Amino acid sequence: GQHYVFKEGEMVDFTPPEQTIPDSIGHHQ
């Protein structure tokens, strides 16, 4: 449920890239 970016061992803020992978309608669906 989470993800973080580290640079030179330190947690940094980042700008998420454009969303290119569509949300799923559900794994079974």
PDB file of all heavy atoms in Angstrom:
ATOM      1  N   GLY A   1       0.770  -1.247   0.000  1.00  0.00           N
ATOM      2  CA  GLY A   1       0.000   0.000   0.000  1.00  0.00           C
ATOM      3  C   GLY A   1       0.790   1.281   0.000  1.00  0.00           C
ATOM      4  O   GLY A   1       0.197   2.358  -0.048  1.00  0.00           O
ATOM      5  N   GLN A   2       2.136   1.218   0.056  1.00  0.00           N
ATOM      6  CA  GLN A   2       2.935   2.440   0.161  1.00  0.00           C
ATOM      7  C   GLN A   2       4.160   2.360  -0.749  1.00  0.00           C
ATOM      8  O   GLN A   2       4.604   1.278  -1.105  1.00  0.00           O
ATOM      9  CB  GLN A   2       3.437   2.620   1.605  1.00  0.00           C
ATOM     10  CG  GLN A   2       2.373   2.581   2.677  1.00  0.00           C
ATOM     11  CD  GLN A   2       3.009   2.515   4.050  1.00  0.00           C
ATOM     12  OE1 GLN A   2       3.461   3.522   4.594  1.00  0.00           O
ATOM     13  NE2 GLN A   2       3.077   1.313   4.632  1.00  0.00           N
ATOM     14  N   HIS A   3       4.718   3.512  -1.068  1.00  0.00           N
ATOM     15  CA  HIS A   3       6.012   3.542  -1.741  1.00  0.00           C
ATOM     16  C   HIS A   3       6.696   4.884  -1.483  1.00  0.00           C
ATOM     17  O   HIS A   3       6.040   5.922  -1.409  1.00  0.00           O
ATOM     18  CB  HIS A   3       5.886   3.272  -3.246  1.00  0.00           C
ATOM     19  CG  HIS A   3       5.029   4.239  -3.997  1.00  0.00           C
ATOM     20  ND1 HIS A   3       3.663   4.107  -4.096  1.00  0.00           N
ATOM     21  CD2 HIS A   3       5.355   5.361  -4.691  1.00  0.00           C
ATOM     22  CE1 HIS A   3       3.174   5.085  -4.828  1.00  0.00           C
ATOM     23  NE2 HIS A   3       4.179   5.863  -5.204  1.00  0.00           N
ATOM     24  N   TYR A   4       8.038   4.833  -1.343  1.00  0.00           N
ATOM     25  CA  TYR A   4       8.836   6.011  -1.027  1.00  0.00           C
ATOM     26  C   TYR A   4      10.107   5.999  -1.855  1.00  0.00           C
ATOM     27  O   TYR A   4      10.614   4.940  -2.243  1.00  0.00           O
ATOM     28  CB  TYR A   4       9.194   6.037   0.460  1.00  0.00           C
ATOM     29  CG  TYR A   4       7.989   6.065   1.373  1.00  0.00           C
ATOM     30  CD1 TYR A   4       7.495   4.893   1.951  1.00  0.00           C
ATOM     31  CD2 TYR A   4       7.333   7.267   1.647  1.00  0.00           C
ATOM     32  CE1 TYR A   4       6.388   4.912   2.786  1.00  0.00           C
ATOM     33  CE2 TYR A   4       6.221   7.298   2.478  1.00  0.00           C
ATOM     34  CZ  TYR A   4       5.758   6.117   3.045  1.00  0.00           C
ATOM     35  OH  TYR A   4       4.651   6.130   3.866  1.00  0.00           O
ATOM     36  N   VAL A   5      10.645   7.197  -2.089  1.00  0.00           N
ATOM     37  CA  VAL A   5      11.880   7.352  -2.850  1.00  0.00           C
ATOM     38  C   VAL A   5      12.991   7.816  -1.911  1.00  0.00           C
ATOM     39  O   VAL A   5      12.781   8.681  -1.047  1.00  0.00           O
ATOM     40  CB  VAL A   5      11.702   8.369  -3.996  1.00  0.00           C
ATOM     41  CG1 VAL A   5      13.032   8.600  -4.720  1.00  0.00           C
ATOM     42  CG2 VAL A   5      10.642   7.881  -4.981  1.00  0.00           C
ATOM     43  N   PHE A   6      14.186   7.241  -2.083  1.00  0.00           N
ATOM     44  CA  PHE A   6      15.354   7.615  -1.293  1.00  0.00           C
ATOM     45  C   PHE A   6      16.482   8.007  -2.246  1.00  0.00           C
ATOM     46  O   PHE A   6      16.744   7.336  -3.239  1.00  0.00           O
ATOM     47  CB  PHE A   6      15.822   6.449  -0.418  1.00  0.00           C
ATOM     48  CG  PHE A   6      14.847   6.073   0.656  1.00  0.00           C
ATOM     49  CD1 PHE A   6      13.755   5.265   0.376  1.00  0.00           C
ATOM     50  CD2 PHE A   6      15.024   6.540   1.946  1.00  0.00           C
ATOM     51  CE1 PHE A   6      12.849   4.925   1.365  1.00  0.00           C
ATOM     52  CE2 PHE A   6      14.123   6.203   2.947  1.00  0.00           C
ATOM     53  CZ  PHE A   6      13.030   5.396   2.658  1.00  0.00           C
ATOM     54  N   LYS A   7      17.149   9.115  -1.916  1.00  0.00           N
ATOM     55  CA  LYS A   7      18.323   9.568  -2.650  1.00  0.00           C
ATOM     56  C   LYS A   7      19.471   9.723  -1.661  1.00  0.00           C
ATOM     57  O   LYS A   7      19.322  10.393  -0.627  1.00  0.00           O
ATOM     58  CB  LYS A   7      18.041  10.911  -3.333  1.00  0.00           C
ATOM     59  CG  LYS A   7      16.916  10.881  -4.363  1.00  0.00           C
ATOM     60  CD  LYS A   7      17.378  10.339  -5.695  1.00  0.00           C
ATOM     61  CE  LYS A   7      16.273  10.520  -6.753  1.00  0.00           C
ATOM     62  NZ  LYS A   7      16.730  10.160  -8.109  1.00  0.00           N
ATOM     63  N   GLU A   8      20.592   9.092  -1.951  1.00  0.00           N
ATOM     64  CA  GLU A   8      21.754   9.108  -1.073  1.00  0.00           C
ATOM     65  C   GLU A   8      21.368   8.730   0.354  1.00  0.00           C
ATOM     66  O   GLU A   8      21.842   9.307   1.342  1.00  0.00           O
ATOM     67  CB  GLU A   8      22.429  10.494  -1.109  1.00  0.00           C
ATOM     68  CG  GLU A   8      22.956  10.849  -2.488  1.00  0.00           C
ATOM     69  CD  GLU A   8      23.613  12.204  -2.537  1.00  0.00           C
ATOM     70  OE1 GLU A   8      23.527  12.938  -1.520  1.00  0.00           O
ATOM     71  OE2 GLU A   8      24.213  12.547  -3.559  1.00  0.00           O
ATOM     72  N   GLY A   9      20.466   7.753   0.451  1.00  0.00           N
ATOM     73  CA  GLY A   9      20.063   7.220   1.740  1.00  0.00           C
ATOM     74  C   GLY A   9      19.007   8.024   2.473  1.00  0.00           C
ATOM     75  O   GLY A   9      18.557   7.615   3.553  1.00  0.00           O
ATOM     76  N   GLU A  10      18.577   9.165   1.928  1.00  0.00           N
ATOM     77  CA  GLU A  10      17.587  10.016   2.576  1.00  0.00           C
ATOM     78  C   GLU A  10      16.259   9.968   1.829  1.00  0.00           C
ATOM     79  O   GLU A  10      16.228  10.007   0.593  1.00  0.00           O
ATOM     80  CB  GLU A  10      18.082  11.466   2.622  1.00  0.00           C
ATOM     81  CG  GLU A  10      19.394  11.665   3.355  1.00  0.00           C
ATOM     82  CD  GLU A  10      19.261  11.433   4.848  1.00  0.00           C
ATOM     83  OE1 GLU A  10      18.171  11.702   5.393  1.00  0.00           O
ATOM     84  OE2 GLU A  10      20.246  10.975   5.467  1.00  0.00           O
ATOM     85  N   MET A  11      15.149   9.894   2.597  1.00  0.00           N
ATOM     86  CA  MET A  11      13.831   9.939   1.977  1.00  0.00           C
ATOM     87  C   MET A  11      13.601  11.323   1.377  1.00  0.00           C
ATOM     88  O   MET A  11      13.880  12.344   2.018  1.00  0.00           O
ATOM     89  CB  MET A  11      12.744   9.629   2.995  1.00  0.00           C
ATOM     90  CG  MET A  11      11.341   9.572   2.394  1.00  0.00           C
ATOM     91  SD  MET A  11      10.034   9.329   3.624  1.00  0.00           S
ATOM     92  CE  MET A  11      10.340   7.620   4.085  1.00  0.00           C
ATOM     93  N   VAL A  12      13.113  11.375   0.144  1.00  0.00           N
ATOM     94  CA  VAL A  12      12.909  12.654  -0.539  1.00  0.00           C
ATOM     95  C   VAL A  12      11.483  12.759  -1.068  1.00  0.00           C
ATOM     96  O   VAL A  12      10.819  11.753  -1.322  1.00  0.00           O
ATOM     97  CB  VAL A  12      13.901  12.825  -1.714  1.00  0.00           C
ATOM     98  CG1 VAL A  12      15.335  12.798  -1.213  1.00  0.00           C
ATOM     99  CG2 VAL A  12      13.691  11.734  -2.770  1.00  0.00           C
ATOM    100  N   ASP A  13      11.023  13.997  -1.227  1.00  0.00           N
ATOM    101  CA  ASP A  13       9.749  14.239  -1.895  1.00  0.00           C
ATOM    102  C   ASP A  13       9.939  14.031  -3.394  1.00  0.00           C
ATOM    103  O   ASP A  13      11.044  14.209  -3.931  1.00  0.00           O
ATOM    104  CB  ASP A  13       9.273  15.665  -1.621  1.00  0.00           C
ATOM    105  CG  ASP A  13       8.927  15.896  -0.160  1.00  0.00           C
ATOM    106  OD1 ASP A  13       8.423  14.948   0.479  1.00  0.00           O
ATOM    107  OD2 ASP A  13       9.182  17.010   0.336  1.00  0.00           O
ATOM    108  N   PHE A  14       8.870  13.672  -4.076  1.00  0.00           N
ATOM    109  CA  PHE A  14       8.969  13.495  -5.523  1.00  0.00           C
ATOM    110  C   PHE A  14       7.620  13.798  -6.163  1.00  0.00           C
ATOM    111  O   PHE A  14       6.570  13.741  -5.507  1.00  0.00           O
ATOM    112  CB  PHE A  14       9.404  12.067  -5.880  1.00  0.00           C
ATOM    113  CG  PHE A  14       8.426  10.993  -5.462  1.00  0.00           C
ATOM    114  CD1 PHE A  14       7.466  10.514  -6.350  1.00  0.00           C
ATOM    115  CD2 PHE A  14       8.457  10.469  -4.181  1.00  0.00           C
ATOM    116  CE1 PHE A  14       6.560   9.533  -5.964  1.00  0.00           C
ATOM    117  CE2 PHE A  14       7.564   9.488  -3.787  1.00  0.00           C
ATOM    118  CZ  PHE A  14       6.615   9.014  -4.671  1.00  0.00           C
ATOM    119  N   THR A  15       7.655  14.136  -7.417  1.00  0.00           N
ATOM    120  CA  THR A  15       6.439  14.372  -8.190  1.00  0.00           C
ATOM    121  C   THR A  15       6.095  13.096  -8.943  1.00  0.00           C
ATOM    122  O   THR A  15       6.896  12.635  -9.770  1.00  0.00           O
ATOM    123  CB  THR A  15       6.630  15.519  -9.191  1.00  0.00           C
ATOM    124  OG1 THR A  15       6.977  16.699  -8.471  1.00  0.00           O
ATOM    125  CG2 THR A  15       5.346  15.754  -9.984  1.00  0.00           C
ATOM    126  N   PRO A  16       4.960  12.481  -8.652  1.00  0.00           N
ATOM    127  CA  PRO A  16       4.608  11.243  -9.350  1.00  0.00           C
ATOM    128  C   PRO A  16       4.516  11.471 -10.856  1.00  0.00           C
ATOM    129  O   PRO A  16       4.071  12.527 -11.304  1.00  0.00           O
ATOM    130  CB  PRO A  16       3.237  10.886  -8.768  1.00  0.00           C
ATOM    131  CG  PRO A  16       3.167  11.615  -7.467  1.00  0.00           C
ATOM    132  CD  PRO A  16       3.935  12.882  -7.673  1.00  0.00           C
ATOM    133  N   PRO A  17       4.957  10.519 -11.637  1.00  0.00           N
ATOM    134  CA  PRO A  17       4.821  10.650 -13.094  1.00  0.00           C
ATOM    135  C   PRO A  17       3.359  10.561 -13.508  1.00  0.00           C
ATOM    136  O   PRO A  17       2.487  10.190 -12.711  1.00  0.00           O
ATOM    137  CB  PRO A  17       5.617   9.460 -13.627  1.00  0.00           C
ATOM    138  CG  PRO A  17       5.549   8.450 -12.531  1.00  0.00           C
ATOM    139  CD  PRO A  17       5.548   9.230 -11.250  1.00  0.00           C
ATOM    140  N   GLU A  18       3.110  10.871 -14.756  1.00  0.00           N
ATOM    141  CA  GLU A  18       1.754  10.755 -15.297  1.00  0.00           C
ATOM    142  C   GLU A  18       1.279   9.309 -15.184  1.00  0.00           C
ATOM    143  O   GLU A  18       2.035   8.367 -15.416  1.00  0.00           O
ATOM    144  CB  GLU A  18       1.744  11.184 -16.760  1.00  0.00           C
ATOM    145  CG  GLU A  18       0.394  11.071 -17.432  1.00  0.00           C
ATOM    146  CD  GLU A  18       0.432  11.411 -18.915  1.00  0.00           C
ATOM    147  OE1 GLU A  18       1.526  11.792 -19.383  1.00  0.00           O
ATOM    148  OE2 GLU A  18      -0.603  11.273 -19.585  1.00  0.00           O
ATOM    149  N   GLN A  19       0.012   9.137 -14.826  1.00  0.00           N
ATOM    150  CA  GLN A  19      -0.547   7.801 -14.720  1.00  0.00           C
ATOM    151  C   GLN A  19      -0.834   7.257 -16.118  1.00  0.00           C
ATOM    152  O   GLN A  19      -1.631   7.819 -16.863  1.00  0.00           O
ATOM    153  CB  GLN A  19      -1.823   7.816 -13.885  1.00  0.00           C
ATOM    154  CG  GLN A  19      -1.570   8.155 -12.425  1.00  0.00           C
ATOM    155  CD  GLN A  19      -2.814   8.027 -11.560  1.00  0.00           C
ATOM    156  OE1 GLN A  19      -3.820   7.471 -11.979  1.00  0.00           O
ATOM    157  NE2 GLN A  19      -2.742   8.542 -10.339  1.00  0.00           N
ATOM    158  N   THR A  20      -0.159   6.189 -16.455  1.00  0.00           N
ATOM    159  CA  THR A  20      -0.312   5.581 -17.786  1.00  0.00           C
ATOM    160  C   THR A  20      -0.957   4.204 -17.728  1.00  0.00           C
ATOM    161  O   THR A  20      -1.399   3.688 -18.754  1.00  0.00           O
ATOM    162  CB  THR A  20       1.056   5.462 -18.472  1.00  0.00           C
ATOM    163  OG1 THR A  20       1.946   4.738 -17.609  1.00  0.00           O
ATOM    164  CG2 THR A  20       1.647   6.841 -18.768  1.00  0.00           C
ATOM    165  N   ILE A  21      -0.969   3.595 -16.545  1.00  0.00           N
ATOM    166  CA  ILE A  21      -1.575   2.268 -16.393  1.00  0.00           C
ATOM    167  C   ILE A  21      -2.986   2.452 -15.848  1.00  0.00           C
ATOM    168  O   ILE A  21      -3.166   2.973 -14.747  1.00  0.00           O
ATOM    169  CB  ILE A  21      -0.764   1.381 -15.441  1.00  0.00           C
ATOM    170  CG1 ILE A  21       0.688   1.279 -15.913  1.00  0.00           C
ATOM    171  CG2 ILE A  21      -1.392  -0.014 -15.347  1.00  0.00           C
ATOM    172  CD1 ILE A  21       1.589   0.504 -14.964  1.00  0.00           C
ATOM    173  N   PRO A  22      -4.004   2.061 -16.581  1.00  0.00           N
ATOM    174  CA  PRO A  22      -5.383   2.268 -16.130  1.00  0.00           C
ATOM    175  C   PRO A  22      -5.668   1.537 -14.825  1.00  0.00           C
ATOM    176  O   PRO A  22      -5.090   0.489 -14.540  1.00  0.00           O
ATOM    177  CB  PRO A  22      -6.231   1.689 -17.276  1.00  0.00           C
ATOM    178  CG  PRO A  22      -5.306   1.556 -18.431  1.00  0.00           C
ATOM    179  CD  PRO A  22      -3.941   1.358 -17.872  1.00  0.00           C
ATOM    180  N   ASP A  23      -6.563   2.100 -14.029  1.00  0.00           N
ATOM    181  CA  ASP A  23      -7.013   1.403 -12.838  1.00  0.00           C
ATOM    182  C   ASP A  23      -7.708   0.108 -13.243  1.00  0.00           C
ATOM    183  O   ASP A  23      -8.364   0.040 -14.284  1.00  0.00           O
ATOM    184  CB  ASP A  23      -7.984   2.270 -12.034  1.00  0.00           C
ATOM    185  CG  ASP A  23      -7.307   3.472 -11.404  1.00  0.00           C
ATOM    186  OD1 ASP A  23      -6.060   3.501 -11.362  1.00  0.00           O
ATOM    187  OD2 ASP A  23      -8.029   4.389 -10.959  1.00  0.00           O
ATOM    188  N   SER A  24      -7.566  -0.901 -12.401  1.00  0.00           N
ATOM    189  CA  SER A  24      -8.204  -2.194 -12.677  1.00  0.00           C
ATOM    190  C   SER A  24      -9.682  -2.149 -12.325  1.00  0.00           C
ATOM    191  O   SER A  24     -10.086  -1.476 -11.366  1.00  0.00           O
ATOM    192  CB  SER A  24      -7.519  -3.299 -11.871  1.00  0.00           C
ATOM    193  OG  SER A  24      -8.193  -4.529 -12.015  1.00  0.00           O
ATOM    194  N   ILE A  25     -10.478  -2.876 -13.072  1.00  0.00           N
ATOM    195  CA  ILE A  25     -11.892  -3.026 -12.729  1.00  0.00           C
ATOM    196  C   ILE A  25     -12.075  -4.094 -11.657  1.00  0.00           C
ATOM    197  O   ILE A  25     -13.190  -4.355 -11.214  1.00  0.00           O
ATOM    198  CB  ILE A  25     -12.742  -3.375 -13.975  1.00  0.00           C
ATOM    199  CG1 ILE A  25     -12.273  -4.709 -14.588  1.00  0.00           C
ATOM    200  CG2 ILE A  25     -12.694  -2.253 -14.992  1.00  0.00           C
ATOM    201  CD1 ILE A  25     -13.146  -5.200 -15.726  1.00  0.00           C
ATOM    202  N   GLY A  26     -10.973  -4.696 -11.240  1.00  0.00           N
ATOM    203  CA  GLY A  26     -11.003  -5.782 -10.265  1.00  0.00           C
ATOM    204  C   GLY A  26     -10.381  -7.023 -10.864  1.00  0.00           C
ATOM    205  O   GLY A  26     -10.564  -7.314 -12.053  1.00  0.00           O
ATOM    206  N   HIS A  27      -9.618  -7.756 -10.077  1.00  0.00           N
ATOM    207  CA  HIS A  27      -8.844  -8.876 -10.596  1.00  0.00           C
ATOM    208  C   HIS A  27      -9.743  -9.958 -11.198  1.00  0.00           C
ATOM    209  O   HIS A  27      -9.461 -10.486 -12.279  1.00  0.00           O
ATOM    210  CB  HIS A  27      -7.995  -9.461  -9.472  1.00  0.00           C
ATOM    211  CG  HIS A  27      -6.812 -10.238  -9.953  1.00  0.00           C
ATOM    212  ND1 HIS A  27      -5.800  -9.671 -10.699  1.00  0.00           N
ATOM    213  CD2 HIS A  27      -6.463 -11.537  -9.788  1.00  0.00           C
ATOM    214  CE1 HIS A  27      -4.893 -10.587 -10.976  1.00  0.00           C
ATOM    215  NE2 HIS A  27      -5.265 -11.730 -10.431  1.00  0.00           N
ATOM    216  N   HIS A  28     -10.825 -10.287 -10.517  1.00  0.00           N
ATOM    217  CA  HIS A  28     -11.760 -11.281 -11.052  1.00  0.00           C
ATOM    218  C   HIS A  28     -12.542 -10.708 -12.233  1.00  0.00           C
ATOM    219  O   HIS A  28     -12.765 -11.406 -13.237  1.00  0.00           O
ATOM    220  CB  HIS A  28     -12.733 -11.746  -9.970  1.00  0.00           C
ATOM    221  CG  HIS A  28     -12.080 -12.410  -8.802  1.00  0.00           C
ATOM    222  ND1 HIS A  28     -11.652 -11.706  -7.688  1.00  0.00           N
ATOM    223  CD2 HIS A  28     -11.760 -13.713  -8.568  1.00  0.00           C
ATOM    224  CE1 HIS A  28     -11.111 -12.546  -6.832  1.00  0.00           C
ATOM    225  NE2 HIS A  28     -11.159 -13.765  -7.325  1.00  0.00           N
ATOM    226  N   GLN A  29     -12.932  -9.445 -12.125  1.00  0.00           N
ATOM    227  CA  GLN A  29     -13.716  -8.836 -13.188  1.00  0.00           C
ATOM    228  C   GLN A  29     -12.920  -8.690 -14.484  1.00  0.00           C
ATOM    229  O   GLN A  29     -13.481  -8.776 -15.572  1.00  0.00           O
ATOM    230  CB  GLN A  29     -14.258  -7.479 -12.736  1.00  0.00           C
ATOM    231  CG  GLN A  29     -15.335  -7.573 -11.670  1.00  0.00           C
ATOM    232  CD  GLN A  29     -16.532  -8.388 -12.130  1.00  0.00           C
ATOM    233  OE1 GLN A  29     -17.033  -8.207 -13.245  1.00  0.00           O
ATOM    234  NE2 GLN A  29     -16.997  -9.300 -11.279  1.00  0.00           N
TER     235      GLN A  29
END
